[in-house]
Amino acid sequence: MPRQWEYHTIEPPKGLTKRETVDPTEELNRLGAEGWELAETISYDKGGTKLLVFKRPVTDSDSPGDG
């Protein structure tokens, strides 16, 4: 059976002016500790990152119908 993935997205945090990005290291470390890996970024048409896309493998205990 092919590997199954689950996905999670976050918006890069913005500062007070809503233009500068705030360092997301703490959030990225938390997600990494939970098994999430940065897979891709989705950008606005005219530049800037809109979303960070993370993925992690679905484990048997996460599969629908188990439990």
PDB file of N, CA and C in Angstrom:
ATOM      1  N   MET A   1       0.852  -1.188   0.000  1.00  0.00           N
ATOM      2  CA  MET A   1       0.000   0.000   0.000  1.00  0.00           C
ATOM      3  C   MET A   1       0.897   1.250   0.000  1.00  0.00           C
ATOM      4  N   PRO A   2       0.578   2.231  -0.829  1.00  0.00           N
ATOM      5  CA  PRO A   2       1.391   3.450  -0.847  1.00  0.00           C
ATOM      6  C   PRO A   2       1.322   4.191   0.490  1.00  0.00           C
ATOM      7  N   ARG A   3       2.387   4.908   0.804  1.00  0.00           N
ATOM      8  CA  ARG A   3       2.435   5.685   2.042  1.00  0.00           C
ATOM      9  C   ARG A   3       1.349   6.760   1.998  1.00  0.00           C
ATOM     10  N   GLN A   4       0.687   6.947   3.110  1.00  0.00           N
ATOM     11  CA  GLN A   4      -0.319   7.998   3.226  1.00  0.00           C
ATOM     12  C   GLN A   4       0.268   9.157   4.020  1.00  0.00           C
ATOM     13  N   TRP A   5      -0.119  10.369   3.637  1.00  0.00           N
ATOM     14  CA  TRP A   5       0.373  11.585   4.281  1.00  0.00           C
ATOM     15  C   TRP A   5      -0.791  12.386   4.827  1.00  0.00           C
ATOM     16  N   GLU A   6      -0.530  13.121   5.882  1.00  0.00           N
ATOM     17  CA  GLU A   6      -1.470  14.134   6.341  1.00  0.00           C
ATOM     18  C   GLU A   6      -0.771  15.474   6.230  1.00  0.00           C
ATOM     19  N   TYR A   7      -1.560  16.525   6.051  1.00  0.00           N
ATOM     20  CA  TYR A   7      -1.003  17.849   5.782  1.00  0.00           C
ATOM     21  C   TYR A   7      -1.517  18.871   6.784  1.00  0.00           C
ATOM     22  N   HIS A   8      -0.706  19.906   6.979  1.00  0.00           N
ATOM     23  CA  HIS A   8      -1.029  20.983   7.916  1.00  0.00           C
ATOM     24  C   HIS A   8      -0.467  22.266   7.315  1.00  0.00           C
ATOM     25  N   THR A   9      -1.200  23.356   7.383  1.00  0.00           N
ATOM     26  CA  THR A   9      -0.701  24.627   6.865  1.00  0.00           C
ATOM     27  C   THR A   9      -0.730  25.685   7.956  1.00  0.00           C
ATOM     28  N   ILE A  10       0.218  26.622   7.884  1.00  0.00           N
ATOM     29  CA  ILE A  10       0.202  27.796   8.760  1.00  0.00           C
ATOM     30  C   ILE A  10       0.541  29.016   7.918  1.00  0.00           C
ATOM     31  N   GLU A  11       0.050  30.145   8.337  1.00  0.00           N
ATOM     32  CA  GLU A  11       0.438  31.415   7.731  1.00  0.00           C
ATOM     33  C   GLU A  11       1.662  31.910   8.481  1.00  0.00           C
ATOM     34  N   PRO A  12       2.693  32.383   7.757  1.00  0.00           N
ATOM     35  CA  PRO A  12       3.837  32.956   8.470  1.00  0.00           C
ATOM     36  C   PRO A  12       3.358  34.102   9.361  1.00  0.00           C
ATOM     37  N   PRO A  13       3.783  34.136  10.622  1.00  0.00           N
ATOM     38  CA  PRO A  13       3.320  35.202  11.516  1.00  0.00           C
ATOM     39  C   PRO A  13       3.816  36.566  11.052  1.00  0.00           C
ATOM     40  N   LYS A  14       2.984  37.585  11.200  1.00  0.00           N
ATOM     41  CA  LYS A  14       3.324  38.951  10.782  1.00  0.00           C
ATOM     42  C   LYS A  14       3.500  39.838  12.002  1.00  0.00           C
ATOM     43  N   GLY A  15       4.314  40.871  11.830  1.00  0.00           N
ATOM     44  CA  GLY A  15       4.549  41.843  12.901  1.00  0.00           C
ATOM     45  C   GLY A  15       3.439  42.870  12.955  1.00  0.00           C
ATOM     46  N   LEU A  16       3.667  43.923  13.685  1.00  0.00           N
ATOM     47  CA  LEU A  16       2.645  44.944  13.912  1.00  0.00           C
ATOM     48  C   LEU A  16       2.172  45.627  12.637  1.00  0.00           C
ATOM     49  N   THR A  17       3.069  45.823  11.670  1.00  0.00           N
ATOM     50  CA  THR A  17       2.660  46.509  10.436  1.00  0.00           C
ATOM     51  C   THR A  17       2.003  45.558   9.445  1.00  0.00           C
ATOM     52  N   LYS A  18       1.982  44.262   9.767  1.00  0.00           N
ATOM     53  CA  LYS A  18       1.424  43.221   8.905  1.00  0.00           C
ATOM     54  C   LYS A  18       2.241  43.029   7.632  1.00  0.00           C
ATOM     55  N   ARG A  19       3.452  43.601   7.590  1.00  0.00           N
ATOM     56  CA  ARG A  19       4.311  43.435   6.414  1.00  0.00           C
ATOM     57  C   ARG A  19       5.562  42.608   6.728  1.00  0.00           C
ATOM     58  N   GLU A  20       6.165  42.849   7.870  1.00  0.00           N
ATOM     59  CA  GLU A  20       7.381  42.109   8.203  1.00  0.00           C
ATOM     60  C   GLU A  20       7.015  40.768   8.836  1.00  0.00           C
ATOM     61  N   THR A  21       7.831  39.777   8.567  1.00  0.00           N
ATOM     62  CA  THR A  21       7.605  38.451   9.122  1.00  0.00           C
ATOM     63  C   THR A  21       8.267  38.354  10.485  1.00  0.00           C
ATOM     64  N   VAL A  22       7.585  37.757  11.430  1.00  0.00           N
ATOM     65  CA  VAL A  22       8.127  37.484  12.759  1.00  0.00           C
ATOM     66  C   VAL A  22       8.798  36.111  12.690  1.00  0.00           C
ATOM     67  N   ASP A  23       9.932  35.958  13.341  1.00  0.00           N
ATOM     68  CA  ASP A  23      10.673  34.690  13.319  1.00  0.00           C
ATOM     69  C   ASP A  23       9.791  33.561  13.857  1.00  0.00           C
ATOM     70  N   PRO A  24       9.494  32.556  13.022  1.00  0.00           N
ATOM     71  CA  PRO A  24       8.600  31.469  13.442  1.00  0.00           C
ATOM     72  C   PRO A  24       9.325  30.262  14.029  1.00  0.00           C
ATOM     73  N   THR A  25      10.580  30.426  14.466  1.00  0.00           N
ATOM     74  CA  THR A  25      11.387  29.286  14.905  1.00  0.00           C
ATOM     75  C   THR A  25      10.694  28.449  15.977  1.00  0.00           C
ATOM     76  N   GLU A  26      10.103  29.092  16.966  1.00  0.00           N
ATOM     77  CA  GLU A  26       9.456  28.341  18.053  1.00  0.00           C
ATOM     78  C   GLU A  26       8.336  27.455  17.518  1.00  0.00           C
ATOM     79  N   GLU A  27       7.497  28.013  16.653  1.00  0.00           N
ATOM     80  CA  GLU A  27       6.394  27.233  16.062  1.00  0.00           C
ATOM     81  C   GLU A  27       6.935  26.112  15.175  1.00  0.00           C
ATOM     82  N   LEU A  28       7.984  26.392  14.397  1.00  0.00           N
ATOM     83  CA  LEU A  28       8.569  25.368  13.532  1.00  0.00           C
ATOM     84  C   LEU A  28       9.167  24.235  14.356  1.00  0.00           C
ATOM     85  N   ASN A  29       9.830  24.562  15.460  1.00  0.00           N
ATOM     86  CA  ASN A  29      10.386  23.523  16.336  1.00  0.00           C
ATOM     87  C   ASN A  29       9.282  22.678  16.958  1.00  0.00           C
ATOM     88  N   ARG A  30       8.188  23.307  17.341  1.00  0.00           N
ATOM     89  CA  ARG A  30       7.055  22.559  17.910  1.00  0.00           C
ATOM     90  C   ARG A  30       6.495  21.584  16.875  1.00  0.00           C
ATOM     91  N   LEU A  31       6.289  22.073  15.647  1.00  0.00           N
ATOM     92  CA  LEU A  31       5.758  21.207  14.596  1.00  0.00           C
ATOM     93  C   LEU A  31       6.731  20.068  14.274  1.00  0.00           C
ATOM     94  N   GLY A  32       8.036  20.378  14.233  1.00  0.00           N
ATOM     95  CA  GLY A  32       9.031  19.342  13.980  1.00  0.00           C
ATOM     96  C   GLY A  32       9.012  18.268  15.053  1.00  0.00           C
ATOM     97  N   ALA A  33       8.834  18.672  16.305  1.00  0.00           N
ATOM     98  CA  ALA A  33       8.771  17.712  17.412  1.00  0.00           C
ATOM     99  C   ALA A  33       7.550  16.806  17.299  1.00  0.00           C
ATOM    100  N   GLU A  34       6.515  17.290  16.616  1.00  0.00           N
ATOM    101  CA  GLU A  34       5.300  16.501  16.401  1.00  0.00           C
ATOM    102  C   GLU A  34       5.380  15.668  15.122  1.00  0.00           C
ATOM    103  N   GLY A  35       6.537  15.719  14.446  1.00  0.00           N
ATOM    104  CA  GLY A  35       6.726  14.896  13.255  1.00  0.00           C
ATOM    105  C   GLY A  35       6.424  15.584  11.935  1.00  0.00           C
ATOM    106  N   TRP A  36       6.078  16.878  11.976  1.00  0.00           N
ATOM    107  CA  TRP A  36       5.773  17.605  10.747  1.00  0.00           C
ATOM    108  C   TRP A  36       7.056  18.041  10.058  1.00  0.00           C
ATOM    109  N   GLU A  37       7.070  17.971   8.728  1.00  0.00           N
ATOM    110  CA  GLU A  37       8.196  18.394   7.912  1.00  0.00           C
ATOM    111  C   GLU A  37       7.698  19.417   6.896  1.00  0.00           C
ATOM    112  N   LEU A  38       8.441  20.536   6.749  1.00  0.00           N
ATOM    113  CA  LEU A  38       8.073  21.547   5.764  1.00  0.00           C
ATOM    114  C   LEU A  38       8.167  20.927   4.382  1.00  0.00           C
ATOM    115  N   ALA A  39       7.070  20.948   3.640  1.00  0.00           N
ATOM    116  CA  ALA A  39       7.030  20.325   2.323  1.00  0.00           C
ATOM    117  C   ALA A  39       7.063  21.354   1.202  1.00  0.00           C
ATOM    118  N   GLU A  40       6.445  22.518   1.432  1.00  0.00           N
ATOM    119  CA  GLU A  40       6.325  23.500   0.361  1.00  0.00           C
ATOM    120  C   GLU A  40       5.864  24.826   0.935  1.00  0.00           C
ATOM    121  N   THR A  41       6.117  25.886   0.186  1.00  0.00           N
ATOM    122  CA  THR A  41       5.529  27.181   0.516  1.00  0.00           C
ATOM    123  C   THR A  41       4.607  27.578  -0.624  1.00  0.00           C
ATOM    124  N   ILE A  42       3.552  28.265  -0.299  1.00  0.00           N
ATOM    125  CA  ILE A  42       2.629  28.802  -1.292  1.00  0.00           C
ATOM    126  C   ILE A  42       2.753  30.313  -1.204  1.00  0.00           C
ATOM    127  N   SER A  43       3.050  30.944  -2.351  1.00  0.00           N
ATOM    128  CA  SER A  43       3.319  32.380  -2.378  1.00  0.00           C
ATOM    129  C   SER A  43       2.168  33.152  -3.016  1.00  0.00           C
ATOM    130  N   TYR A  44       2.096  34.427  -2.654  1.00  0.00           N
ATOM    131  CA  TYR A  44       1.178  35.335  -3.318  1.00  0.00           C
ATOM    132  C   TYR A  44       1.666  35.566  -4.744  1.00  0.00           C
ATOM    133  N   ASP A  45       0.779  35.954  -5.645  1.00  0.00           N
ATOM    134  CA  ASP A  45       1.146  36.200  -7.042  1.00  0.00           C
ATOM    135  C   ASP A  45       2.262  37.227  -7.182  1.00  0.00           C
ATOM    136  N   LYS A  46       2.264  38.251  -6.342  1.00  0.00           N
ATOM    137  CA  LYS A  46       3.255  39.324  -6.474  1.00  0.00           C
ATOM    138  C   LYS A  46       4.363  39.229  -5.444  1.00  0.00           C
ATOM    139  N   GLY A  47       4.569  38.051  -4.888  1.00  0.00           N
ATOM    140  CA  GLY A  47       5.659  37.841  -3.935  1.00  0.00           C
ATOM    141  C   GLY A  47       5.175  37.729  -2.508  1.00  0.00           C
ATOM    142  N   GLY A  48       6.006  37.187  -1.675  1.00  0.00           N
ATOM    143  CA  GLY A  48       5.672  36.981  -0.265  1.00  0.00           C
ATOM    144  C   GLY A  48       5.063  35.608  -0.052  1.00  0.00           C
ATOM    145  N   THR A  49       5.338  35.035   1.087  1.00  0.00           N
ATOM    146  CA  THR A  49       4.834  33.699   1.398  1.00  0.00           C
ATOM    147  C   THR A  49       3.467  33.786   2.044  1.00  0.00           C
ATOM    148  N   LYS A  50       2.520  33.079   1.475  1.00  0.00           N
ATOM    149  CA  LYS A  50       1.148  33.062   1.977  1.00  0.00           C
ATOM    150  C   LYS A  50       0.960  31.936   2.986  1.00  0.00           C
ATOM    151  N   LEU A  51       1.431  30.736   2.653  1.00  0.00           N
ATOM    152  CA  LEU A  51       1.254  29.584   3.528  1.00  0.00           C
ATOM    153  C   LEU A  51       2.510  28.729   3.549  1.00  0.00           C
ATOM    154  N   LEU A  52       2.763  28.104   4.693  1.00  0.00           N
ATOM    155  CA  LEU A  52       3.772  27.068   4.820  1.00  0.00           C
ATOM    156  C   LEU A  52       3.023  25.746   4.892  1.00  0.00           C
ATOM    157  N   VAL A  53       3.396  24.788   4.057  1.00  0.00           N
ATOM    158  CA  VAL A  53       2.709  23.497   3.993  1.00  0.00           C
ATOM    159  C   VAL A  53       3.621  22.439   4.603  1.00  0.00           C
ATOM    160  N   PHE A  54       3.105  21.725   5.574  1.00  0.00           N
ATOM    161  CA  PHE A  54       3.841  20.669   6.256  1.00  0.00           C
ATOM    162  C   PHE A  54       3.167  19.330   5.980  1.00  0.00           C
ATOM    163  N   LYS A  55       3.963  18.255   6.040  1.00  0.00           N
ATOM    164  CA  LYS A  55       3.394  16.919   5.902  1.00  0.00           C
ATOM    165  C   LYS A  55       4.083  15.987   6.868  1.00  0.00           C
ATOM    166  N   ARG A  56       3.371  14.904   7.193  1.00  0.00           N
ATOM    167  CA  ARG A  56       3.960  13.822   7.971  1.00  0.00           C
ATOM    168  C   ARG A  56       3.233  12.540   7.597  1.00  0.00           C
ATOM    169  N   PRO A  57       3.921  11.411   7.705  1.00  0.00           N
ATOM    170  CA  PRO A  57       3.274  10.153   7.358  1.00  0.00           C
ATOM    171  C   PRO A  57       2.142   9.840   8.330  1.00  0.00           C
ATOM    172  N   VAL A  58       1.095   9.265   7.799  1.00  0.00           N
ATOM    173  CA  VAL A  58      -0.010   8.795   8.636  1.00  0.00           C
ATOM    174  C   VAL A  58       0.429   7.473   9.242  1.00  0.00           C
ATOM    175  N   THR A  59       0.325   7.353  10.552  1.00  0.00           N
ATOM    176  CA  THR A  59       0.666   6.096  11.221  1.00  0.00           C
ATOM    177  C   THR A  59      -0.573   5.230  11.315  1.00  0.00           C
ATOM    178  N   ASP A  60      -0.378   3.958  11.590  1.00  0.00           N
ATOM    179  CA  ASP A  60      -1.518   3.038  11.698  1.00  0.00           C
ATOM    180  C   ASP A  60      -2.541   3.522  12.708  1.00  0.00           C
ATOM    181  N   SER A  61      -2.075   4.130  13.801  1.00  0.00           N
ATOM    182  CA  SER A  61      -3.000   4.600  14.839  1.00  0.00           C
ATOM    183  C   SER A  61      -3.778   5.826  14.378  1.00  0.00           C
ATOM    184  N   ASP A  62      -3.286   6.531  13.307  1.00  0.00           N
ATOM    185  CA  ASP A  62      -3.987   7.704  12.779  1.00  0.00           C
ATOM    186  C   ASP A  62      -4.986   7.341  11.692  1.00  0.00           C
ATOM    187  N   SER A  63      -4.918   6.104  11.198  1.00  0.00           N
ATOM    188  CA  SER A  63      -5.743   5.722  10.051  1.00  0.00           C
ATOM    189  C   SER A  63      -7.210   5.688  10.423  1.00  0.00           C
ATOM    190  N   PRO A  64      -8.076   6.175   9.503  1.00  0.00           N
ATOM    191  CA  PRO A  64      -9.502   6.119   9.757  1.00  0.00           C
ATOM    192  C   PRO A  64      -9.949   4.662   9.909  1.00  0.00           C
ATOM    193  N   GLY A  65     -10.873   4.439  10.792  1.00  0.00           N
ATOM    194  CA  GLY A  65     -11.397   3.105  11.005  1.00  0.00           C
ATOM    195  C   GLY A  65     -10.673   2.327  12.093  1.00  0.00           C
ATOM    196  N   ASP A  66      -9.513   2.806  12.547  1.00  0.00           N
ATOM    197  CA  ASP A  66      -8.801   2.153  13.641  1.00  0.00           C
ATOM    198  C   ASP A  66      -9.354   2.655  14.966  1.00  0.00           C
ATOM    199  N   GLY A  67      -9.440   1.803  15.913  1.00  0.00           N
ATOM    200  CA  GLY A  67      -9.776   2.268  17.238  1.00  0.00           C
ATOM    201  C   GLY A  67     -11.001   1.685  17.729  1.00  0.00           C
TER     202      GLY A  67
END
